[in-house]
Amino acid sequence: MSSASESPGPDDPERHLSAHHNPLPELSGDTARPISQADLERVHGSEQFATLRGNFRSFAFPMTAAFMAWYFAYVLLSTYAHEFMSIPLLGYLNVGLIMGLLQFVTTFGITWLYVRHANRNLDPLATELRDELEGGAHHANG
């Protein structure tokens, strides 16, 4: 769809939405104000931002290192420990297949842990900083 005045075609996945639909929060109005470079630098140098950055890094770096170690252990074992990876565990499922499936389980687990960590430790601080920068306006959508 190239313009709002055209009617949506039958293959348009957004044809059920009104012509004036906008999924993003409104950024203009009485509460919005331009954010200056000085404001950004002030917030970047603040104790709250340092805490936010520390909270993110305290989760992201160790979790990334742990997952990479787990992933490369799987790859290296697959490459160099054929006999170990071929040990049957449950019928036709061997160590290699189970470890491969556990890579997916680990990915979903890390995602769940990160969302929980962000909701508890990152989002409240980020919201405070955003509200301070935007002049006290709190956006429910984001």
C-alpha atoms as a PDB file:
ATOM      1  CA  MET A   1       0.000   0.000   0.000  1.00  0.00           C
ATOM      2  CA  SER A   2       1.689   3.204  -1.115  1.00  0.00           C
ATOM      3  CA  SER A   3      -0.621   5.790   0.441  1.00  0.00           C
ATOM      4  CA  ALA A   4      -3.286   6.024   3.117  1.00  0.00           C
ATOM      5  CA  SER A   5      -5.961   6.968   0.565  1.00  0.00           C
ATOM      6  CA  GLU A   6      -5.666   3.704  -1.391  1.00  0.00           C
ATOM      7  CA  SER A   7      -7.822   0.815  -0.287  1.00  0.00           C
ATOM      8  CA  PRO A   8      -5.876  -2.252   0.807  1.00  0.00           C
ATOM      9  CA  GLY A   9      -5.548  -5.139  -1.582  1.00  0.00           C
ATOM     10  CA  PRO A  10      -6.693  -8.671  -0.734  1.00  0.00           C
ATOM     11  CA  ASP A  11      -3.109  -9.741   0.060  1.00  0.00           C
ATOM     12  CA  ASP A  12      -2.367  -6.811   2.405  1.00  0.00           C
ATOM     13  CA  PRO A  13      -1.839  -8.282   5.919  1.00  0.00           C
ATOM     14  CA  GLU A  14      -2.978  -4.972   7.460  1.00  0.00           C
ATOM     15  CA  ARG A  15      -6.233  -4.682   5.491  1.00  0.00           C
ATOM     16  CA  HIS A  16      -8.256  -5.146   8.700  1.00  0.00           C
ATOM     17  CA  LEU A  17      -6.775  -1.944  10.217  1.00  0.00           C
ATOM     18  CA  SER A  18      -8.346   1.469   9.809  1.00  0.00           C
ATOM     19  CA  ALA A  19      -6.678   3.933   7.418  1.00  0.00           C
ATOM     20  CA  HIS A  20      -5.550   6.055  10.362  1.00  0.00           C
ATOM     21  CA  HIS A  21      -4.118   3.208  12.442  1.00  0.00           C
ATOM     22  CA  ASN A  22      -0.718   3.941  13.994  1.00  0.00           C
ATOM     23  CA  PRO A  23       0.693   1.289  16.380  1.00  0.00           C
ATOM     24  CA  LEU A  24       3.366   3.651  17.725  1.00  0.00           C
ATOM     25  CA  PRO A  25       2.750   5.935  20.706  1.00  0.00           C
ATOM     26  CA  GLU A  26       2.090   9.567  19.890  1.00  0.00           C
ATOM     27  CA  LEU A  27       5.307  11.529  20.328  1.00  0.00           C
ATOM     28  CA  SER A  28       3.896  14.987  19.831  1.00  0.00           C
ATOM     29  CA  GLY A  29       1.598  17.018  22.029  1.00  0.00           C
ATOM     30  CA  ASP A  30       1.720  19.047  25.220  1.00  0.00           C
ATOM     31  CA  THR A  31       4.109  16.776  27.132  1.00  0.00           C
ATOM     32  CA  ALA A  32       6.660  16.024  24.424  1.00  0.00           C
ATOM     33  CA  ARG A  33       9.691  18.251  24.060  1.00  0.00           C
ATOM     34  CA  PRO A  34      12.859  18.045  21.997  1.00  0.00           C
ATOM     35  CA  ILE A  35      15.712  16.288  23.753  1.00  0.00           C
ATOM     36  CA  SER A  36      18.951  18.240  23.593  1.00  0.00           C
ATOM     37  CA  GLN A  37      22.451  16.821  23.300  1.00  0.00           C
ATOM     38  CA  ALA A  38      23.218  18.325  26.722  1.00  0.00           C
ATOM     39  CA  ASP A  39      20.281  16.401  28.250  1.00  0.00           C
ATOM     40  CA  LEU A  40      21.481  13.165  26.661  1.00  0.00           C
ATOM     41  CA  GLU A  41      25.012  13.710  27.948  1.00  0.00           C
ATOM     42  CA  ARG A  42      23.728  14.577  31.431  1.00  0.00           C
ATOM     43  CA  VAL A  43      21.660  11.380  31.590  1.00  0.00           C
ATOM     44  CA  HIS A  44      24.497   9.325  30.106  1.00  0.00           C
ATOM     45  CA  GLY A  45      26.774  10.523  32.904  1.00  0.00           C
ATOM     46  CA  SER A  46      24.202  10.003  35.670  1.00  0.00           C
ATOM     47  CA  GLU A  47      24.306   7.446  38.469  1.00  0.00           C
ATOM     48  CA  GLN A  48      20.972   5.995  37.266  1.00  0.00           C
ATOM     49  CA  PHE A  49      22.333   5.348  33.777  1.00  0.00           C
ATOM     50  CA  ALA A  50      25.461   3.733  35.225  1.00  0.00           C
ATOM     51  CA  THR A  51      23.213   1.486  37.330  1.00  0.00           C
ATOM     52  CA  LEU A  52      21.090   0.632  34.278  1.00  0.00           C
ATOM     53  CA  ARG A  53      24.180  -0.197  32.224  1.00  0.00           C
ATOM     54  CA  GLY A  54      25.608  -2.268  35.088  1.00  0.00           C
ATOM     55  CA  ASN A  55      22.354  -4.188  35.534  1.00  0.00           C
ATOM     56  CA  PHE A  56      22.292  -5.008  31.826  1.00  0.00           C
ATOM     57  CA  ARG A  57      25.936  -6.035  31.682  1.00  0.00           C
ATOM     58  CA  SER A  58      25.734  -8.129  34.860  1.00  0.00           C
ATOM     59  CA  PHE A  59      23.211 -10.321  33.078  1.00  0.00           C
ATOM     60  CA  ALA A  60      24.223 -10.135  29.432  1.00  0.00           C
ATOM     61  CA  PHE A  61      27.967 -10.752  29.639  1.00  0.00           C
ATOM     62  CA  PRO A  62      27.963 -13.806  31.964  1.00  0.00           C
ATOM     63  CA  MET A  63      24.952 -15.336  30.197  1.00  0.00           C
ATOM     64  CA  THR A  64      26.566 -14.829  26.794  1.00  0.00           C
ATOM     65  CA  ALA A  65      29.828 -16.378  27.993  1.00  0.00           C
ATOM     66  CA  ALA A  66      28.004 -19.353  29.538  1.00  0.00           C
ATOM     67  CA  PHE A  67      25.917 -19.982  26.418  1.00  0.00           C
ATOM     68  CA  MET A  68      28.911 -19.653  24.094  1.00  0.00           C
ATOM     69  CA  ALA A  69      30.870 -22.135  26.236  1.00  0.00           C
ATOM     70  CA  TRP A  70      27.905 -24.551  26.135  1.00  0.00           C
ATOM     71  CA  TYR A  71      27.472 -24.078  22.381  1.00  0.00           C
ATOM     72  CA  PHE A  72      31.157 -24.528  21.538  1.00  0.00           C
ATOM     73  CA  ALA A  73      31.350 -27.559  23.843  1.00  0.00           C
ATOM     74  CA  TYR A  74      28.545 -29.078  21.779  1.00  0.00           C
ATOM     75  CA  VAL A  75      30.264 -28.217  18.480  1.00  0.00           C
ATOM     76  CA  LEU A  76      33.645 -29.508  19.629  1.00  0.00           C
ATOM     77  CA  LEU A  77      32.179 -32.701  21.058  1.00  0.00           C
ATOM     78  CA  SER A  78      30.268 -33.216  17.793  1.00  0.00           C
ATOM     79  CA  THR A  79      33.495 -32.791  15.869  1.00  0.00           C
ATOM     80  CA  TYR A  80      36.006 -34.659  18.014  1.00  0.00           C
ATOM     81  CA  ALA A  81      34.075 -37.016  20.335  1.00  0.00           C
ATOM     82  CA  HIS A  82      32.041 -39.139  17.927  1.00  0.00           C
ATOM     83  CA  GLU A  83      31.931 -42.144  20.231  1.00  0.00           C
ATOM     84  CA  PHE A  84      30.677 -40.101  23.181  1.00  0.00           C
ATOM     85  CA  MET A  85      28.056 -38.299  21.107  1.00  0.00           C
ATOM     86  CA  SER A  86      26.873 -41.646  19.657  1.00  0.00           C
ATOM     87  CA  ILE A  87      26.044 -43.203  23.035  1.00  0.00           C
ATOM     88  CA  PRO A  88      22.342 -44.176  22.933  1.00  0.00           C
ATOM     89  CA  LEU A  89      20.234 -42.784  25.770  1.00  0.00           C
ATOM     90  CA  LEU A  90      16.584 -43.392  24.870  1.00  0.00           C
ATOM     91  CA  GLY A  91      15.995 -45.729  21.954  1.00  0.00           C
ATOM     92  CA  TYR A  92      17.399 -43.980  18.886  1.00  0.00           C
ATOM     93  CA  LEU A  93      18.118 -40.758  20.790  1.00  0.00           C
ATOM     94  CA  ASN A  94      21.808 -40.462  21.503  1.00  0.00           C
ATOM     95  CA  VAL A  95      23.871 -37.955  23.494  1.00  0.00           C
ATOM     96  CA  GLY A  96      24.450 -35.793  20.412  1.00  0.00           C
ATOM     97  CA  LEU A  97      20.754 -35.468  19.571  1.00  0.00           C
ATOM     98  CA  ILE A  98      19.819 -34.726  23.175  1.00  0.00           C
ATOM     99  CA  MET A  99      22.556 -32.085  23.435  1.00  0.00           C
ATOM    100  CA  GLY A 100      21.418 -30.569  20.141  1.00  0.00           C
ATOM    101  CA  LEU A 101      17.822 -30.334  21.349  1.00  0.00           C
ATOM    102  CA  LEU A 102      19.019 -28.857  24.630  1.00  0.00           C
ATOM    103  CA  GLN A 103      20.573 -26.001  22.627  1.00  0.00           C
ATOM    104  CA  PHE A 104      17.016 -24.924  21.755  1.00  0.00           C
ATOM    105  CA  VAL A 105      15.815 -25.399  25.326  1.00  0.00           C
ATOM    106  CA  THR A 106      18.740 -23.303  26.560  1.00  0.00           C
ATOM    107  CA  THR A 107      17.941 -20.531  24.080  1.00  0.00           C
ATOM    108  CA  PHE A 108      14.312 -20.347  25.227  1.00  0.00           C
ATOM    109  CA  GLY A 109      15.422 -20.498  28.865  1.00  0.00           C
ATOM    110  CA  ILE A 110      17.862 -17.633  28.427  1.00  0.00           C
ATOM    111  CA  THR A 111      15.177 -15.597  26.666  1.00  0.00           C
ATOM    112  CA  TRP A 112      12.761 -16.170  29.545  1.00  0.00           C
ATOM    113  CA  LEU A 113      15.423 -15.255  32.106  1.00  0.00           C
ATOM    114  CA  TYR A 114      16.321 -12.092  30.213  1.00  0.00           C
ATOM    115  CA  VAL A 115      12.708 -10.941  29.953  1.00  0.00           C
ATOM    116  CA  ARG A 116      12.288 -11.514  33.692  1.00  0.00           C
ATOM    117  CA  HIS A 117      15.551  -9.669  34.410  1.00  0.00           C
ATOM    118  CA  ALA A 118      14.591  -6.768  32.126  1.00  0.00           C
ATOM    119  CA  ASN A 119      11.126  -6.432  33.644  1.00  0.00           C
ATOM    120  CA  ARG A 120      12.533  -6.339  37.174  1.00  0.00           C
ATOM    121  CA  ASN A 121      15.874  -4.570  36.794  1.00  0.00           C
ATOM    122  CA  LEU A 122      16.059  -2.676  33.506  1.00  0.00           C
ATOM    123  CA  ASP A 123      12.632  -1.410  32.508  1.00  0.00           C
ATOM    124  CA  PRO A 124      11.866   0.551  35.711  1.00  0.00           C
ATOM    125  CA  LEU A 125      15.172   2.443  35.499  1.00  0.00           C
ATOM    126  CA  ALA A 126      14.877   2.960  31.754  1.00  0.00           C
ATOM    127  CA  THR A 127      11.352   4.328  32.214  1.00  0.00           C
ATOM    128  CA  GLU A 128      12.565   6.784  34.851  1.00  0.00           C
ATOM    129  CA  LEU A 129      15.349   7.995  32.583  1.00  0.00           C
ATOM    130  CA  ARG A 130      13.049   8.259  29.580  1.00  0.00           C
ATOM    131  CA  ASP A 131      10.460  10.170  31.584  1.00  0.00           C
ATOM    132  CA  GLU A 132      13.137  12.561  32.799  1.00  0.00           C
ATOM    133  CA  LEU A 133      14.334  13.165  29.249  1.00  0.00           C
ATOM    134  CA  GLU A 134      10.849  13.547  27.814  1.00  0.00           C
ATOM    135  CA  GLY A 135       9.720  15.941  30.491  1.00  0.00           C
ATOM    136  CA  GLY A 136       7.745  13.588  32.719  1.00  0.00           C
ATOM    137  CA  ALA A 137       5.534  11.987  30.081  1.00  0.00           C
ATOM    138  CA  HIS A 138       5.085   8.254  30.573  1.00  0.00           C
ATOM    139  CA  HIS A 139       4.129   6.211  27.511  1.00  0.00           C
ATOM    140  CA  ALA A 140       2.163   3.076  28.326  1.00  0.00           C
ATOM    141  CA  ASN A 141       3.130   1.429  25.021  1.00  0.00           C
ATOM    142  CA  GLY A 142       6.787   1.422  25.396  1.00  0.00           C
END
